C-alpha cells in the first residue's frame, strides 16, 4: 500500500487481537458502506479497550 516493498508478517501470539480488530473493521465497513443500519457506536470504546489491553501485556 505504501510502495516500500516491505513485508509485514503477523505475530502468532497476537492472533486474538488481530481477530478483534478485523471484526471492528468489518463493522465499520458495513456501517459506512453497505448497510447504514449497522450500529457502530461501540467501535471507539472497543478500540480503546484493545489498546489498554495491549499496553498492559507489553
N, C-alpha and C. Protein backbone atom coordinates (compact mmCIF):
# COMPACT_ATOMS: atom_id res chain seq x y z
N UNK A 1 0.81 -1.19 0.00
CA UNK A 1 0.00 0.00 0.00
C UNK A 1 0.85 1.26 0.00
N UNK A 2 2.04 1.18 0.56
CA UNK A 2 2.86 2.39 0.64
C UNK A 2 3.95 2.42 -0.42
N UNK A 3 4.13 1.31 -1.12
CA UNK A 3 5.15 1.27 -2.14
C UNK A 3 6.55 1.04 -1.61
N UNK A 4 6.69 0.56 -0.38
CA UNK A 4 8.01 0.36 0.19
C UNK A 4 8.55 -1.05 -0.04
N UNK A 5 7.71 -1.95 -0.56
CA UNK A 5 8.09 -3.35 -0.78
C UNK A 5 8.50 -4.04 0.51
N UNK A 6 8.04 -3.56 1.64
CA UNK A 6 8.32 -4.17 2.92
C UNK A 6 7.20 -5.15 3.26
N UNK A 7 7.54 -6.32 3.74
CA UNK A 7 6.57 -7.33 4.11
C UNK A 7 6.42 -7.38 5.62
N UNK A 8 5.19 -7.36 6.07
CA UNK A 8 4.90 -7.50 7.49
C UNK A 8 4.26 -8.85 7.72
N UNK A 9 4.84 -9.62 8.61
CA UNK A 9 4.30 -10.93 8.93
C UNK A 9 3.59 -10.87 10.27
N UNK A 10 2.43 -11.53 10.37
CA UNK A 10 1.70 -11.49 11.64
C UNK A 10 2.45 -12.21 12.75
N UNK A 11 2.25 -11.74 13.95
CA UNK A 11 2.83 -12.36 15.14
C UNK A 11 1.79 -13.33 15.68
N UNK A 12 2.08 -14.63 15.67
CA UNK A 12 1.07 -15.62 16.07
C UNK A 12 0.44 -15.35 17.43
N UNK A 13 1.21 -14.84 18.38
CA UNK A 13 0.68 -14.57 19.72
C UNK A 13 -0.38 -13.47 19.72
N UNK A 14 -0.42 -12.67 18.67
CA UNK A 14 -1.36 -11.56 18.59
C UNK A 14 -2.63 -11.91 17.81
N UNK A 15 -2.80 -13.18 17.50
CA UNK A 15 -3.93 -13.61 16.66
C UNK A 15 -5.28 -13.15 17.23
N UNK A 16 -5.48 -13.26 18.53
CA UNK A 16 -6.75 -12.87 19.15
C UNK A 16 -7.02 -11.37 18.92
N UNK A 17 -6.00 -10.55 19.12
CA UNK A 17 -6.15 -9.11 18.90
C UNK A 17 -6.44 -8.80 17.44
N UNK A 18 -5.73 -9.48 16.52
CA UNK A 18 -5.97 -9.27 15.09
C UNK A 18 -7.43 -9.58 14.75
N UNK A 19 -7.97 -10.66 15.32
CA UNK A 19 -9.36 -11.02 15.06
C UNK A 19 -10.32 -9.96 15.58
N UNK A 20 -10.05 -9.44 16.76
CA UNK A 20 -10.90 -8.40 17.33
C UNK A 20 -10.87 -7.15 16.46
N UNK A 21 -9.68 -6.75 16.02
CA UNK A 21 -9.55 -5.57 15.16
C UNK A 21 -10.23 -5.78 13.82
N UNK A 22 -10.09 -6.96 13.26
CA UNK A 22 -10.73 -7.24 11.97
C UNK A 22 -12.25 -7.21 12.09
N UNK A 23 -12.78 -7.73 13.19
CA UNK A 23 -14.23 -7.68 13.39
C UNK A 23 -14.72 -6.23 13.49
N UNK A 24 -13.96 -5.37 14.14
CA UNK A 24 -14.32 -3.95 14.20
C UNK A 24 -14.22 -3.31 12.82
N UNK A 25 -13.20 -3.67 12.07
CA UNK A 25 -13.06 -3.16 10.70
C UNK A 25 -14.28 -3.53 9.86
N UNK A 26 -14.70 -4.80 9.96
CA UNK A 26 -15.87 -5.24 9.18
C UNK A 26 -17.12 -4.48 9.61
N UNK A 27 -17.25 -4.23 10.90
CA UNK A 27 -18.40 -3.49 11.40
C UNK A 27 -18.41 -2.07 10.82
N UNK A 28 -17.25 -1.41 10.81
CA UNK A 28 -17.16 -0.08 10.22
C UNK A 28 -17.42 -0.10 8.72
N UNK A 29 -16.85 -1.08 8.05
CA UNK A 29 -17.04 -1.20 6.61
C UNK A 29 -18.52 -1.29 6.27
N UNK A 30 -19.22 -2.17 6.98
CA UNK A 30 -20.64 -2.33 6.71
C UNK A 30 -21.43 -1.09 7.13
N UNK A 31 -21.05 -0.48 8.23
CA UNK A 31 -21.75 0.70 8.71
C UNK A 31 -21.63 1.90 7.79
N UNK A 32 -20.46 2.07 7.19
CA UNK A 32 -20.25 3.21 6.30
C UNK A 32 -20.58 2.91 4.85
N UNK A 33 -20.47 1.64 4.47
CA UNK A 33 -20.59 1.35 3.05
C UNK A 33 -21.80 0.57 2.62
N UNK A 34 -22.04 -0.55 3.24
CA UNK A 34 -23.06 -1.46 2.73
C UNK A 34 -24.41 -1.24 3.37
N UNK A 35 -24.43 -1.18 4.69
CA UNK A 35 -25.70 -1.16 5.41
C UNK A 35 -25.65 -0.07 6.47
N UNK A 36 -26.37 0.99 6.24
CA UNK A 36 -26.34 2.11 7.19
C UNK A 36 -27.06 1.81 8.50
N UNK A 37 -27.68 0.65 8.60
CA UNK A 37 -28.38 0.28 9.83
C UNK A 37 -27.48 -0.43 10.83
N UNK A 38 -26.21 -0.60 10.51
CA UNK A 38 -25.28 -1.27 11.41
C UNK A 38 -24.92 -0.32 12.54
N UNK A 39 -25.00 -0.80 13.77
CA UNK A 39 -24.66 0.00 14.94
C UNK A 39 -23.14 0.02 15.11
N UNK A 40 -22.54 1.20 15.03
CA UNK A 40 -21.09 1.32 15.17
C UNK A 40 -20.70 2.14 16.40
N UNK A 41 -21.65 2.37 17.30
CA UNK A 41 -21.38 3.20 18.47
C UNK A 41 -20.36 2.59 19.42
N UNK A 42 -20.18 1.30 19.37
CA UNK A 42 -19.26 0.61 20.28
C UNK A 42 -17.81 0.64 19.80
N UNK A 43 -17.57 0.98 18.55
CA UNK A 43 -16.26 0.78 17.94
C UNK A 43 -15.16 1.53 18.68
N UNK A 44 -15.35 2.80 18.98
CA UNK A 44 -14.28 3.57 19.64
C UNK A 44 -13.97 3.01 21.02
N UNK A 45 -15.00 2.67 21.79
CA UNK A 45 -14.75 2.11 23.12
C UNK A 45 -14.04 0.76 23.02
N UNK A 46 -14.43 -0.05 22.04
CA UNK A 46 -13.76 -1.34 21.85
C UNK A 46 -12.30 -1.15 21.46
N UNK A 47 -12.03 -0.18 20.60
CA UNK A 47 -10.64 0.09 20.22
C UNK A 47 -9.82 0.56 21.42
N UNK A 48 -10.40 1.40 22.24
CA UNK A 48 -9.69 1.86 23.45
C UNK A 48 -9.43 0.70 24.41
N UNK A 49 -10.39 -0.20 24.54
CA UNK A 49 -10.19 -1.38 25.39
C UNK A 49 -9.08 -2.27 24.86
N UNK A 50 -9.04 -2.46 23.54
CA UNK A 50 -7.96 -3.25 22.94
C UNK A 50 -6.62 -2.58 23.20
N UNK A 51 -6.56 -1.26 22.99
CA UNK A 51 -5.33 -0.52 23.25
C UNK A 51 -4.86 -0.71 24.69
N UNK A 52 -5.77 -0.56 25.63
CA UNK A 52 -5.40 -0.70 27.04
C UNK A 52 -4.94 -2.12 27.37
N UNK A 53 -5.58 -3.10 26.79
CA UNK A 53 -5.17 -4.50 27.00
C UNK A 53 -3.77 -4.74 26.47
N UNK A 54 -3.50 -4.24 25.27
CA UNK A 54 -2.18 -4.43 24.66
C UNK A 54 -1.11 -3.72 25.48
N UNK A 55 -1.41 -2.55 25.97
CA UNK A 55 -0.44 -1.81 26.79
C UNK A 55 -0.13 -2.54 28.10
N UNK A 56 -1.14 -3.19 28.69
CA UNK A 56 -0.90 -3.94 29.93
C UNK A 56 -0.03 -5.17 29.67
N UNK A 57 -0.22 -5.79 28.50
CA UNK A 57 0.54 -7.00 28.15
C UNK A 57 1.99 -6.65 27.83
N UNK A 58 2.19 -5.53 27.16
CA UNK A 58 3.53 -5.15 26.68
C UNK A 58 4.45 -4.73 27.80
